[in-house]
Amino acid sequence: WDVLSCCTREGSLDTRIRNPRPNDIPSFLLGHPTIQRVF
């Protein structure tokens, strides 16, 4: 998965990410209790 649900960005570089909005990582982890490691 990705940390961000959406953002504005010119090109592909992370340094150009603006207005980041996160995915609902806590809900995903709650729904998948087998996960032990986040890389």
PDB file of all heavy atoms in Angstrom:
ATOM      1  N   TRP A   1       0.867  -1.175   0.000  1.00  0.00           N
ATOM      2  CA  TRP A   1       0.000   0.000   0.000  1.00  0.00           C
ATOM      3  C   TRP A   1       0.900   1.220   0.000  1.00  0.00           C
ATOM      4  O   TRP A   1       2.138   1.103  -0.077  1.00  0.00           O
ATOM      5  CB  TRP A   1      -0.928  -0.001   1.204  1.00  0.00           C
ATOM      6  CG  TRP A   1      -2.227   0.734   0.972  1.00  0.00           C
ATOM      7  CD1 TRP A   1      -2.729   1.156  -0.215  1.00  0.00           C
ATOM      8  CD2 TRP A   1      -3.187   1.102   1.966  1.00  0.00           C
ATOM      9  NE1 TRP A   1      -3.946   1.767  -0.035  1.00  0.00           N
ATOM     10  CE2 TRP A   1      -4.250   1.740   1.292  1.00  0.00           C
ATOM     11  CE3 TRP A   1      -3.255   0.954   3.349  1.00  0.00           C
ATOM     12  CZ2 TRP A   1      -5.369   2.239   1.970  1.00  0.00           C
ATOM     13  CZ3 TRP A   1      -4.365   1.442   4.021  1.00  0.00           C
ATOM     14  CH2 TRP A   1      -5.422   2.074   3.340  1.00  0.00           C
ATOM     15  N   ASP A   2       0.290   2.400   0.055  1.00  0.00           N
ATOM     16  CA  ASP A   2       1.026   3.656   0.153  1.00  0.00           C
ATOM     17  C   ASP A   2       0.520   4.450   1.339  1.00  0.00           C
ATOM     18  O   ASP A   2      -0.656   4.347   1.720  1.00  0.00           O
ATOM     19  CB  ASP A   2       0.869   4.474  -1.130  1.00  0.00           C
ATOM     20  CG  ASP A   2       1.622   3.870  -2.292  1.00  0.00           C
ATOM     21  OD1 ASP A   2       2.867   3.850  -2.235  1.00  0.00           O
ATOM     22  OD2 ASP A   2       0.980   3.394  -3.246  1.00  0.00           O
ATOM     23  N   VAL A   3       1.394   5.252   1.913  1.00  0.00           N
ATOM     24  CA  VAL A   3       0.993   6.077   3.053  1.00  0.00           C
ATOM     25  C   VAL A   3      -0.061   7.088   2.621  1.00  0.00           C
ATOM     26  O   VAL A   3      -1.024   7.341   3.350  1.00  0.00           O
ATOM     27  CB  VAL A   3       2.207   6.804   3.663  1.00  0.00           C
ATOM     28  CG1 VAL A   3       1.768   7.708   4.815  1.00  0.00           C
ATOM     29  CG2 VAL A   3       3.255   5.812   4.142  1.00  0.00           C
ATOM     30  N   LEU A   4       0.102   7.645   1.437  1.00  0.00           N
ATOM     31  CA  LEU A   4      -0.799   8.712   0.994  1.00  0.00           C
ATOM     32  C   LEU A   4      -1.940   8.179   0.150  1.00  0.00           C
ATOM     33  O   LEU A   4      -1.756   7.336  -0.729  1.00  0.00           O
ATOM     34  CB  LEU A   4      -0.023   9.762   0.198  1.00  0.00           C
ATOM     35  CG  LEU A   4       1.068  10.508   0.962  1.00  0.00           C
ATOM     36  CD1 LEU A   4       1.686  11.590   0.077  1.00  0.00           C
ATOM     37  CD2 LEU A   4       0.538  11.111   2.262  1.00  0.00           C
ATOM     38  N   SER A   5      -3.099   8.722   0.422  1.00  0.00           N
ATOM     39  CA  SER A   5      -4.260   8.480  -0.424  1.00  0.00           C
ATOM     40  C   SER A   5      -4.228   9.380  -1.652  1.00  0.00           C
ATOM     41  O   SER A   5      -4.627   8.979  -2.745  1.00  0.00           O
ATOM     42  CB  SER A   5      -5.542   8.745   0.369  1.00  0.00           C
ATOM     43  OG  SER A   5      -6.671   8.730  -0.466  1.00  0.00           O
ATOM     44  N   CYS A   6      -3.740  10.617  -1.456  1.00  0.00           N
ATOM     45  CA  CYS A   6      -3.699  11.569  -2.549  1.00  0.00           C
ATOM     46  C   CYS A   6      -2.760  12.713  -2.196  1.00  0.00           C
ATOM     47  O   CYS A   6      -2.402  12.920  -1.034  1.00  0.00           O
ATOM     48  CB  CYS A   6      -5.091  12.109  -2.869  1.00  0.00           C
ATOM     49  SG  CYS A   6      -5.886  12.893  -1.436  1.00  0.00           S
ATOM     50  N   CYS A   7      -2.383  13.445  -3.210  1.00  0.00           N
ATOM     51  CA  CYS A   7      -1.528  14.628  -3.036  1.00  0.00           C
ATOM     52  C   CYS A   7      -1.498  15.363  -4.363  1.00  0.00           C
ATOM     53  O   CYS A   7      -2.019  14.886  -5.375  1.00  0.00           O
ATOM     54  CB  CYS A   7      -0.101  14.222  -2.628  1.00  0.00           C
ATOM     55  SG  CYS A   7       0.822  13.327  -3.908  1.00  0.00           S
ATOM     56  N   THR A   8      -0.902  16.530  -4.366  1.00  0.00           N
ATOM     57  CA  THR A   8      -0.550  17.181  -5.623  1.00  0.00           C
ATOM     58  C   THR A   8       0.958  17.038  -5.792  1.00  0.00           C
ATOM     59  O   THR A   8       1.711  17.041  -4.815  1.00  0.00           O
ATOM     60  CB  THR A   8      -0.948  18.664  -5.635  1.00  0.00           C
ATOM     61  OG1 THR A   8      -0.321  19.337  -4.535  1.00  0.00           O
ATOM     62  CG2 THR A   8      -2.458  18.822  -5.511  1.00  0.00           C
ATOM     63  N   ARG A   9       1.386  16.888  -7.041  1.00  0.00           N
ATOM     64  CA  ARG A   9       2.803  16.646  -7.286  1.00  0.00           C
ATOM     65  C   ARG A   9       3.097  16.850  -8.765  1.00  0.00           C
ATOM     66  O   ARG A   9       2.373  16.353  -9.620  1.00  0.00           O
ATOM     67  CB  ARG A   9       3.164  15.214  -6.889  1.00  0.00           C
ATOM     68  CG  ARG A   9       4.640  14.855  -7.010  1.00  0.00           C
ATOM     69  CD  ARG A   9       4.860  13.357  -6.834  1.00  0.00           C
ATOM     70  NE  ARG A   9       4.168  12.611  -7.877  1.00  0.00           N
ATOM     71  CZ  ARG A   9       3.795  11.338  -7.782  1.00  0.00           C
ATOM     72  NH1 ARG A   9       4.045  10.661  -6.679  1.00  0.00           N
ATOM     73  NH2 ARG A   9       3.162  10.738  -8.786  1.00  0.00           N
ATOM     74  N   GLU A  10       4.164  17.554  -9.066  1.00  0.00           N
ATOM     75  CA  GLU A  10       4.667  17.654 -10.436  1.00  0.00           C
ATOM     76  C   GLU A  10       5.714  16.576 -10.632  1.00  0.00           C
ATOM     77  O   GLU A  10       6.720  16.540  -9.918  1.00  0.00           O
ATOM     78  CB  GLU A  10       5.283  19.035 -10.679  1.00  0.00           C
ATOM     79  CG  GLU A  10       4.278  20.174 -10.667  1.00  0.00           C
ATOM     80  CD  GLU A  10       4.929  21.498 -11.003  1.00  0.00           C
ATOM     81  OE1 GLU A  10       6.062  21.489 -11.508  1.00  0.00           O
ATOM     82  OE2 GLU A  10       4.296  22.537 -10.745  1.00  0.00           O
ATOM     83  N   GLY A  11       5.492  15.693 -11.588  1.00  0.00           N
ATOM     84  CA  GLY A  11       6.431  14.609 -11.805  1.00  0.00           C
ATOM     85  C   GLY A  11       6.257  13.509 -10.763  1.00  0.00           C
ATOM     86  O   GLY A  11       5.194  13.344 -10.170  1.00  0.00           O
ATOM     87  N   SER A  12       7.349  12.761 -10.532  1.00  0.00           N
ATOM     88  CA  SER A  12       7.278  11.594  -9.661  1.00  0.00           C
ATOM     89  C   SER A  12       8.091  11.711  -8.376  1.00  0.00           C
ATOM     90  O   SER A  12       7.997  10.836  -7.508  1.00  0.00           O
ATOM     91  CB  SER A  12       7.761  10.351 -10.428  1.00  0.00           C
ATOM     92  OG  SER A  12       6.907  10.048 -11.514  1.00  0.00           O
ATOM     93  N   LEU A  13       8.868  12.762  -8.215  1.00  0.00           N
ATOM     94  CA  LEU A  13       9.767  12.846  -7.074  1.00  0.00           C
ATOM     95  C   LEU A  13       8.996  13.127  -5.782  1.00  0.00           C
ATOM     96  O   LEU A  13       8.098  13.977  -5.747  1.00  0.00           O
ATOM     97  CB  LEU A  13      10.814  13.934  -7.290  1.00  0.00           C
ATOM     98  CG  LEU A  13      11.849  13.683  -8.392  1.00  0.00           C
ATOM     99  CD1 LEU A  13      12.769  14.885  -8.528  1.00  0.00           C
ATOM    100  CD2 LEU A  13      12.648  12.417  -8.111  1.00  0.00           C
ATOM    101  N   ASP A  14       9.386  12.428  -4.718  1.00  0.00           N
ATOM    102  CA  ASP A  14       8.756  12.655  -3.412  1.00  0.00           C
ATOM    103  C   ASP A  14       8.966  14.084  -2.915  1.00  0.00           C
ATOM    104  O   ASP A  14       8.130  14.612  -2.176  1.00  0.00           O
ATOM    105  CB  ASP A  14       9.323  11.674  -2.382  1.00  0.00           C
ATOM    106  CG  ASP A  14       8.840  10.250  -2.610  1.00  0.00           C
ATOM    107  OD1 ASP A  14       7.732  10.069  -3.139  1.00  0.00           O
ATOM    108  OD2 ASP A  14       9.592   9.314  -2.254  1.00  0.00           O
ATOM    109  N   THR A  15      10.068  14.692  -3.307  1.00  0.00           N
ATOM    110  CA  THR A  15      10.352  16.053  -2.852  1.00  0.00           C
ATOM    111  C   THR A  15       9.356  17.063  -3.413  1.00  0.00           C
ATOM    112  O   THR A  15       9.285  18.189  -2.922  1.00  0.00           O
ATOM    113  CB  THR A  15      11.776  16.466  -3.252  1.00  0.00           C
ATOM    114  OG1 THR A  15      11.946  16.274  -4.660  1.00  0.00           O
ATOM    115  CG2 THR A  15      12.812  15.644  -2.508  1.00  0.00           C
ATOM    116  N   ARG A  16       8.596  16.667  -4.410  1.00  0.00           N
ATOM    117  CA  ARG A  16       7.612  17.577  -5.011  1.00  0.00           C
ATOM    118  C   ARG A  16       6.188  17.318  -4.518  1.00  0.00           C
ATOM    119  O   ARG A  16       5.242  17.910  -5.045  1.00  0.00           O
ATOM    120  CB  ARG A  16       7.669  17.467  -6.532  1.00  0.00           C
ATOM    121  CG  ARG A  16       9.011  17.899  -7.093  1.00  0.00           C
ATOM    122  CD  ARG A  16       8.940  18.180  -8.563  1.00  0.00           C
ATOM    123  NE  ARG A  16      10.175  18.774  -9.059  1.00  0.00           N
ATOM    124  CZ  ARG A  16      10.320  19.279 -10.279  1.00  0.00           C
ATOM    125  NH1 ARG A  16       9.295  19.278 -11.125  1.00  0.00           N
ATOM    126  NH2 ARG A  16      11.456  19.809 -10.665  1.00  0.00           N
ATOM    127  N   ILE A  17       6.043  16.440  -3.546  1.00  0.00           N
ATOM    128  CA  ILE A  17       4.718  16.180  -2.984  1.00  0.00           C
ATOM    129  C   ILE A  17       4.229  17.409  -2.217  1.00  0.00           C
ATOM    130  O   ILE A  17       4.939  17.966  -1.393  1.00  0.00           O
ATOM    131  CB  ILE A  17       4.754  14.949  -2.051  1.00  0.00           C
ATOM    132  CG1 ILE A  17       4.900  13.664  -2.881  1.00  0.00           C
ATOM    133  CG2 ILE A  17       3.490  14.872  -1.189  1.00  0.00           C
ATOM    134  CD1 ILE A  17       5.064  12.416  -2.041  1.00  0.00           C
ATOM    135  N   ARG A  18       3.013  17.804  -2.500  1.00  0.00           N
ATOM    136  CA  ARG A  18       2.356  18.893  -1.804  1.00  0.00           C
ATOM    137  C   ARG A  18       0.947  18.435  -1.407  1.00  0.00           C
ATOM    138  O   ARG A  18       0.375  17.555  -2.017  1.00  0.00           O
ATOM    139  CB  ARG A  18       2.257  20.151  -2.691  1.00  0.00           C
ATOM    140  CG  ARG A  18       3.589  20.676  -3.206  1.00  0.00           C
ATOM    141  CD  ARG A  18       4.427  21.282  -2.098  1.00  0.00           C
ATOM    142  NE  ARG A  18       5.669  21.863  -2.616  1.00  0.00           N
ATOM    143  CZ  ARG A  18       6.814  21.199  -2.769  1.00  0.00           C
ATOM    144  NH1 ARG A  18       6.878  19.903  -2.442  1.00  0.00           N
ATOM    145  NH2 ARG A  18       7.891  21.796  -3.238  1.00  0.00           N
ATOM    146  N   ASN A  19       0.378  19.066  -0.399  1.00  0.00           N
ATOM    147  CA  ASN A  19      -0.995  18.782   0.043  1.00  0.00           C
ATOM    148  C   ASN A  19      -1.243  17.289   0.281  1.00  0.00           C
ATOM    149  O   ASN A  19      -2.235  16.730  -0.191  1.00  0.00           O
ATOM    150  CB  ASN A  19      -2.006  19.315  -0.999  1.00  0.00           C
ATOM    151  CG  ASN A  19      -1.792  20.763  -1.332  1.00  0.00           C
ATOM    152  OD1 ASN A  19      -1.897  21.622  -0.469  1.00  0.00           O
ATOM    153  ND2 ASN A  19      -1.478  21.042  -2.598  1.00  0.00           N
ATOM    154  N   PRO A  20      -0.373  16.627   1.032  1.00  0.00           N
ATOM    155  CA  PRO A  20      -0.557  15.181   1.232  1.00  0.00           C
ATOM    156  C   PRO A  20      -1.747  14.859   2.128  1.00  0.00           C
ATOM    157  O   PRO A  20      -2.024  15.569   3.089  1.00  0.00           O
ATOM    158  CB  PRO A  20       0.755  14.757   1.894  1.00  0.00           C
ATOM    159  CG  PRO A  20       1.223  15.984   2.619  1.00  0.00           C
ATOM    160  CD  PRO A  20       0.818  17.146   1.746  1.00  0.00           C
ATOM    161  N   ARG A  21      -2.459  13.812   1.774  1.00  0.00           N
ATOM    162  CA  ARG A  21      -3.565  13.291   2.580  1.00  0.00           C
ATOM    163  C   ARG A  21      -3.311  11.804   2.782  1.00  0.00           C
ATOM    164  O   ARG A  21      -3.070  11.076   1.828  1.00  0.00           O
ATOM    165  CB  ARG A  21      -4.915  13.494   1.871  1.00  0.00           C
ATOM    166  CG  ARG A  21      -5.207  14.944   1.464  1.00  0.00           C
ATOM    167  CD  ARG A  21      -5.532  15.816   2.673  1.00  0.00           C
ATOM    168  NE  ARG A  21      -5.979  17.129   2.277  1.00  0.00           N
ATOM    169  CZ  ARG A  21      -5.193  18.194   2.121  1.00  0.00           C
ATOM    170  NH1 ARG A  21      -3.878  18.070   2.304  1.00  0.00           N
ATOM    171  NH2 ARG A  21      -5.681  19.363   1.774  1.00  0.00           N
ATOM    172  N   PRO A  22      -3.392  11.304   4.010  1.00  0.00           N
ATOM    173  CA  PRO A  22      -3.019   9.910   4.257  1.00  0.00           C
ATOM    174  C   PRO A  22      -4.135   8.920   3.969  1.00  0.00           C
ATOM    175  O   PRO A  22      -5.328   9.240   4.048  1.00  0.00           O
ATOM    176  CB  PRO A  22      -2.697   9.912   5.752  1.00  0.00           C
ATOM    177  CG  PRO A  22      -3.633  10.937   6.316  1.00  0.00           C
ATOM    178  CD  PRO A  22      -3.713  12.026   5.265  1.00  0.00           C
ATOM    179  N   ASN A  23      -3.727   7.702   3.641  1.00  0.00           N
ATOM    180  CA  ASN A  23      -4.657   6.581   3.682  1.00  0.00           C
ATOM    181  C   ASN A  23      -4.981   6.255   5.135  1.00  0.00           C
ATOM    182  O   ASN A  23      -4.276   6.666   6.062  1.00  0.00           O
ATOM    183  CB  ASN A  23      -4.037   5.354   3.000  1.00  0.00           C
ATOM    184  CG  ASN A  23      -4.257   5.346   1.504  1.00  0.00           C
ATOM    185  OD1 ASN A  23      -5.364   5.558   1.031  1.00  0.00           O
ATOM    186  ND2 ASN A  23      -3.192   5.101   0.745  1.00  0.00           N
ATOM    187  N   ASP A  24      -6.049   5.495   5.326  1.00  0.00           N
ATOM    188  CA  ASP A  24      -6.479   5.144   6.682  1.00  0.00           C
ATOM    189  C   ASP A  24      -5.695   3.911   7.142  1.00  0.00           C
ATOM    190  O   ASP A  24      -6.233   2.798   7.214  1.00  0.00           O
ATOM    191  CB  ASP A  24      -7.989   4.891   6.694  1.00  0.00           C
ATOM    192  CG  ASP A  24      -8.547   4.824   8.110  1.00  0.00           C
ATOM    193  OD1 ASP A  24      -7.740   4.773   9.060  1.00  0.00           O
ATOM    194  OD2 ASP A  24      -9.785   4.812   8.257  1.00  0.00           O
ATOM    195  N   ILE A  25      -4.431   4.132   7.446  1.00  0.00           N
ATOM    196  CA  ILE A  25      -3.551   3.041   7.867  1.00  0.00           C
ATOM    197  C   ILE A  25      -4.056   2.362   9.144  1.00  0.00           C
ATOM    198  O   ILE A  25      -4.077   1.122   9.218  1.00  0.00           O
ATOM    199  CB  ILE A  25      -2.108   3.548   8.059  1.00  0.00           C
ATOM    200  CG1 ILE A  25      -1.605   4.275   6.795  1.00  0.00           C
ATOM    201  CG2 ILE A  25      -1.182   2.401   8.440  1.00  0.00           C
ATOM    202  CD1 ILE A  25      -1.442   3.427   5.587  1.00  0.00           C
ATOM    203  N   PRO A  26      -4.490   3.106  10.184  1.00  0.00           N
ATOM    204  CA  PRO A  26      -4.982   2.425  11.390  1.00  0.00           C
ATOM    205  C   PRO A  26      -6.141   1.466  11.123  1.00  0.00           C
ATOM    206  O   PRO A  26      -6.175   0.368  11.680  1.00  0.00           O
ATOM    207  CB  PRO A  26      -5.408   3.579  12.299  1.00  0.00           C
ATOM    208  CG  PRO A  26      -4.524   4.713  11.891  1.00  0.00           C
ATOM    209  CD  PRO A  26      -4.399   4.579  10.401  1.00  0.00           C
ATOM    210  N   SER A  27      -7.085   1.855  10.261  1.00  0.00           N
ATOM    211  CA  SER A  27      -8.208   0.956   9.957  1.00  0.00           C
ATOM    212  C   SER A  27      -7.736  -0.304   9.246  1.00  0.00           C
ATOM    213  O   SER A  27      -8.235  -1.407   9.501  1.00  0.00           O
ATOM    214  CB  SER A  27      -9.250   1.671   9.098  1.00  0.00           C
ATOM    215  OG  SER A  27     -10.023   2.551   9.876  1.00  0.00           O
ATOM    216  N   PHE A  28      -6.757  -0.135   8.353  1.00  0.00           N
ATOM    217  CA  PHE A  28      -6.224  -1.300   7.647  1.00  0.00           C
ATOM    218  C   PHE A  28      -5.546  -2.255   8.628  1.00  0.00           C
ATOM    219  O   PHE A  28      -5.737  -3.479   8.572  1.00  0.00           O
ATOM    220  CB  PHE A  28      -5.241  -0.875   6.559  1.00  0.00           C
ATOM    221  CG  PHE A  28      -4.719  -2.024   5.739  1.00  0.00           C
ATOM    222  CD1 PHE A  28      -5.470  -2.555   4.701  1.00  0.00           C
ATOM    223  CD2 PHE A  28      -3.476  -2.585   6.010  1.00  0.00           C
ATOM    224  CE1 PHE A  28      -5.003  -3.625   3.946  1.00  0.00           C
ATOM    225  CE2 PHE A  28      -2.994  -3.644   5.266  1.00  0.00           C
ATOM    226  CZ  PHE A  28      -3.756  -4.172   4.233  1.00  0.00           C
ATOM    227  N   LEU A  29      -4.758  -1.717   9.533  1.00  0.00           N
ATOM    228  CA  LEU A  29      -4.078  -2.549  10.529  1.00  0.00           C
ATOM    229  C   LEU A  29      -5.081  -3.205  11.464  1.00  0.00           C
ATOM    230  O   LEU A  29      -4.920  -4.375  11.843  1.00  0.00           O
ATOM    231  CB  LEU A  29      -3.081  -1.702  11.323  1.00  0.00           C
ATOM    232  CG  LEU A  29      -1.897  -1.162  10.530  1.00  0.00           C
ATOM    233  CD1 LEU A  29      -1.106  -0.157  11.370  1.00  0.00           C
ATOM    234  CD2 LEU A  29      -0.981  -2.287  10.058  1.00  0.00           C
ATOM    235  N   LEU A  30      -6.127  -2.476  11.805  1.00  0.00           N
ATOM    236  CA  LEU A  30      -7.164  -3.038  12.664  1.00  0.00           C
ATOM    237  C   LEU A  30      -7.865  -4.200  11.975  1.00  0.00           C
ATOM    238  O   LEU A  30      -8.200  -5.206  12.604  1.00  0.00           O
ATOM    239  CB  LEU A  30      -8.173  -1.947  13.038  1.00  0.00           C
ATOM    240  CG  LEU A  30      -9.286  -2.312  14.024  1.00  0.00           C
ATOM    241  CD1 LEU A  30      -8.693  -2.730  15.363  1.00  0.00           C
ATOM    242  CD2 LEU A  30     -10.235  -1.138  14.199  1.00  0.00           C
ATOM    243  N   GLY A  31      -8.074  -4.064  10.670  1.00  0.00           N
ATOM    244  CA  GLY A  31      -8.732  -5.116   9.912  1.00  0.00           C
ATOM    245  C   GLY A  31      -7.835  -6.283   9.543  1.00  0.00           C
ATOM    246  O   GLY A  31      -8.318  -7.301   9.045  1.00  0.00           O
ATOM    247  N   HIS A  32      -6.528  -6.128   9.777  1.00  0.00           N
ATOM    248  CA  HIS A  32      -5.567  -7.199   9.462  1.00  0.00           C
ATOM    249  C   HIS A  32      -4.675  -7.421  10.687  1.00  0.00           C
ATOM    250  O   HIS A  32      -3.501  -7.043  10.699  1.00  0.00           O
ATOM    251  CB  HIS A  32      -4.735  -6.824   8.233  1.00  0.00           C
ATOM    252  CG  HIS A  32      -5.550  -6.675   6.987  1.00  0.00           C
ATOM    253  ND1 HIS A  32      -6.251  -5.525   6.707  1.00  0.00           N
ATOM    254  CD2 HIS A  32      -5.785  -7.540   5.960  1.00  0.00           C
ATOM    255  CE1 HIS A  32      -6.887  -5.688   5.547  1.00  0.00           C
ATOM    256  NE2 HIS A  32      -6.625  -6.895   5.078  1.00  0.00           N
ATOM    257  N   PRO A  33      -5.220  -8.037  11.717  1.00  0.00           N
ATOM    258  CA  PRO A  33      -4.481  -8.174  12.985  1.00  0.00           C
ATOM    259  C   PRO A  33      -3.276  -9.100  12.915  1.00  0.00           C
ATOM    260  O   PRO A  33      -2.499  -9.162  13.868  1.00  0.00           O
ATOM    261  CB  PRO A  33      -5.547  -8.719  13.949  1.00  0.00           C
ATOM    262  CG  PRO A  33      -6.543  -9.404  13.065  1.00  0.00           C
ATOM    263  CD  PRO A  33      -6.584  -8.587  11.813  1.00  0.00           C
ATOM    264  N   THR A  34      -3.122  -9.812  11.789  1.00  0.00           N
ATOM    265  CA  THR A  34      -1.948 -10.690  11.634  1.00  0.00           C
ATOM    266  C   THR A  34      -0.678  -9.904  11.334  1.00  0.00           C
ATOM    267  O   THR A  34       0.429 -10.439  11.471  1.00  0.00           O
ATOM    268  CB  THR A  34      -2.183 -11.703  10.509  1.00  0.00           C
ATOM    269  OG1 THR A  34      -2.582 -11.000   9.322  1.00  0.00           O
ATOM    270  CG2 THR A  34      -3.245 -12.714  10.908  1.00  0.00           C
ATOM    271  N   ILE A  35      -0.806  -8.644  10.905  1.00  0.00           N
ATOM    272  CA  ILE A  35       0.373  -7.851  10.544  1.00  0.00           C
ATOM    273  C   ILE A  35       1.225  -7.598  11.787  1.00  0.00           C
ATOM    274  O   ILE A  35       0.738  -7.086  12.790  1.00  0.00           O
ATOM    275  CB  ILE A  35      -0.032  -6.526   9.875  1.00  0.00           C
ATOM    276  CG1 ILE A  35      -0.640  -6.793   8.490  1.00  0.00           C
ATOM    277  CG2 ILE A  35       1.171  -5.588   9.746  1.00  0.00           C
ATOM    278  CD1 ILE A  35      -1.193  -5.556   7.809  1.00  0.00           C
ATOM    279  N   GLN A  36       2.500  -7.950  11.680  1.00  0.00           N
ATOM    280  CA  GLN A  36       3.441  -7.760  12.776  1.00  0.00           C
ATOM    281  C   GLN A  36       4.509  -6.721  12.454  1.00  0.00           C
ATOM    282  O   GLN A  36       5.114  -6.150  13.358  1.00  0.00           O
ATOM    283  CB  GLN A  36       4.133  -9.091  13.111  1.00  0.00           C
ATOM    284  CG  GLN A  36       3.180 -10.201  13.516  1.00  0.00           C
ATOM    285  CD  GLN A  36       2.413  -9.872  14.791  1.00  0.00           C
ATOM    286  OE1 GLN A  36       2.989  -9.364  15.750  1.00  0.00           O
ATOM    287  NE2 GLN A  36       1.123 -10.159  14.796  1.00  0.00           N
ATOM    288  N   ARG A  37       4.755  -6.497  11.162  1.00  0.00           N
ATOM    289  CA  ARG A  37       5.828  -5.586  10.763  1.00  0.00           C
ATOM    290  C   ARG A  37       5.334  -4.642   9.674  1.00  0.00           C
ATOM    291  O   ARG A  37       4.635  -5.059   8.751  1.00  0.00           O
ATOM    292  CB  ARG A  37       7.052  -6.354  10.268  1.00  0.00           C
ATOM    293  CG  ARG A  37       7.707  -7.200  11.362  1.00  0.00           C
ATOM    294  CD  ARG A  37       8.866  -8.020  10.817  1.00  0.00           C
ATOM    295  NE  ARG A  37       9.400  -8.892  11.848  1.00  0.00           N
ATOM    296  CZ  ARG A  37      10.617  -8.785  12.375  1.00  0.00           C
ATOM    297  NH1 ARG A  37      11.435  -7.832  11.957  1.00  0.00           N
ATOM    298  NH2 ARG A  37      11.028  -9.632  13.302  1.00  0.00           N
ATOM    299  N   VAL A  38       5.726  -3.392   9.791  1.00  0.00           N
ATOM    300  CA  VAL A  38       5.427  -2.376   8.784  1.00  0.00           C
ATOM    301  C   VAL A  38       6.764  -1.889   8.236  1.00  0.00           C
ATOM    302  O   VAL A  38       7.589  -1.341   8.976  1.00  0.00           O
ATOM    303  CB  VAL A  38       4.638  -1.200   9.391  1.00  0.00           C
ATOM    304  CG1 VAL A  38       4.384  -0.130   8.326  1.00  0.00           C
ATOM    305  CG2 VAL A  38       3.314  -1.696   9.988  1.00  0.00           C
ATOM    306  N   PHE A  39       6.998  -2.114   6.955  1.00  0.00           N
ATOM    307  CA  PHE A  39       8.217  -1.676   6.293  1.00  0.00           C
ATOM    308  C   PHE A  39       7.900  -0.482   5.403  1.00  0.00           C
ATOM    309  O   PHE A  39       6.887  -0.488   4.696  1.00  0.00           O
ATOM    310  CB  PHE A  39       8.815  -2.793   5.441  1.00  0.00           C
ATOM    311  CG  PHE A  39       9.263  -4.000   6.228  1.00  0.00           C
ATOM    312  CD1 PHE A  39       9.181  -5.270   5.681  1.00  0.00           C
ATOM    313  CD2 PHE A  39       9.761  -3.864   7.509  1.00  0.00           C
ATOM    314  CE1 PHE A  39       9.595  -6.381   6.396  1.00  0.00           C
ATOM    315  CE2 PHE A  39      10.179  -4.973   8.236  1.00  0.00           C
ATOM    316  CZ  PHE A  39      10.099  -6.242   7.675  1.00  0.00           C
TER     317      PHE A  39
END
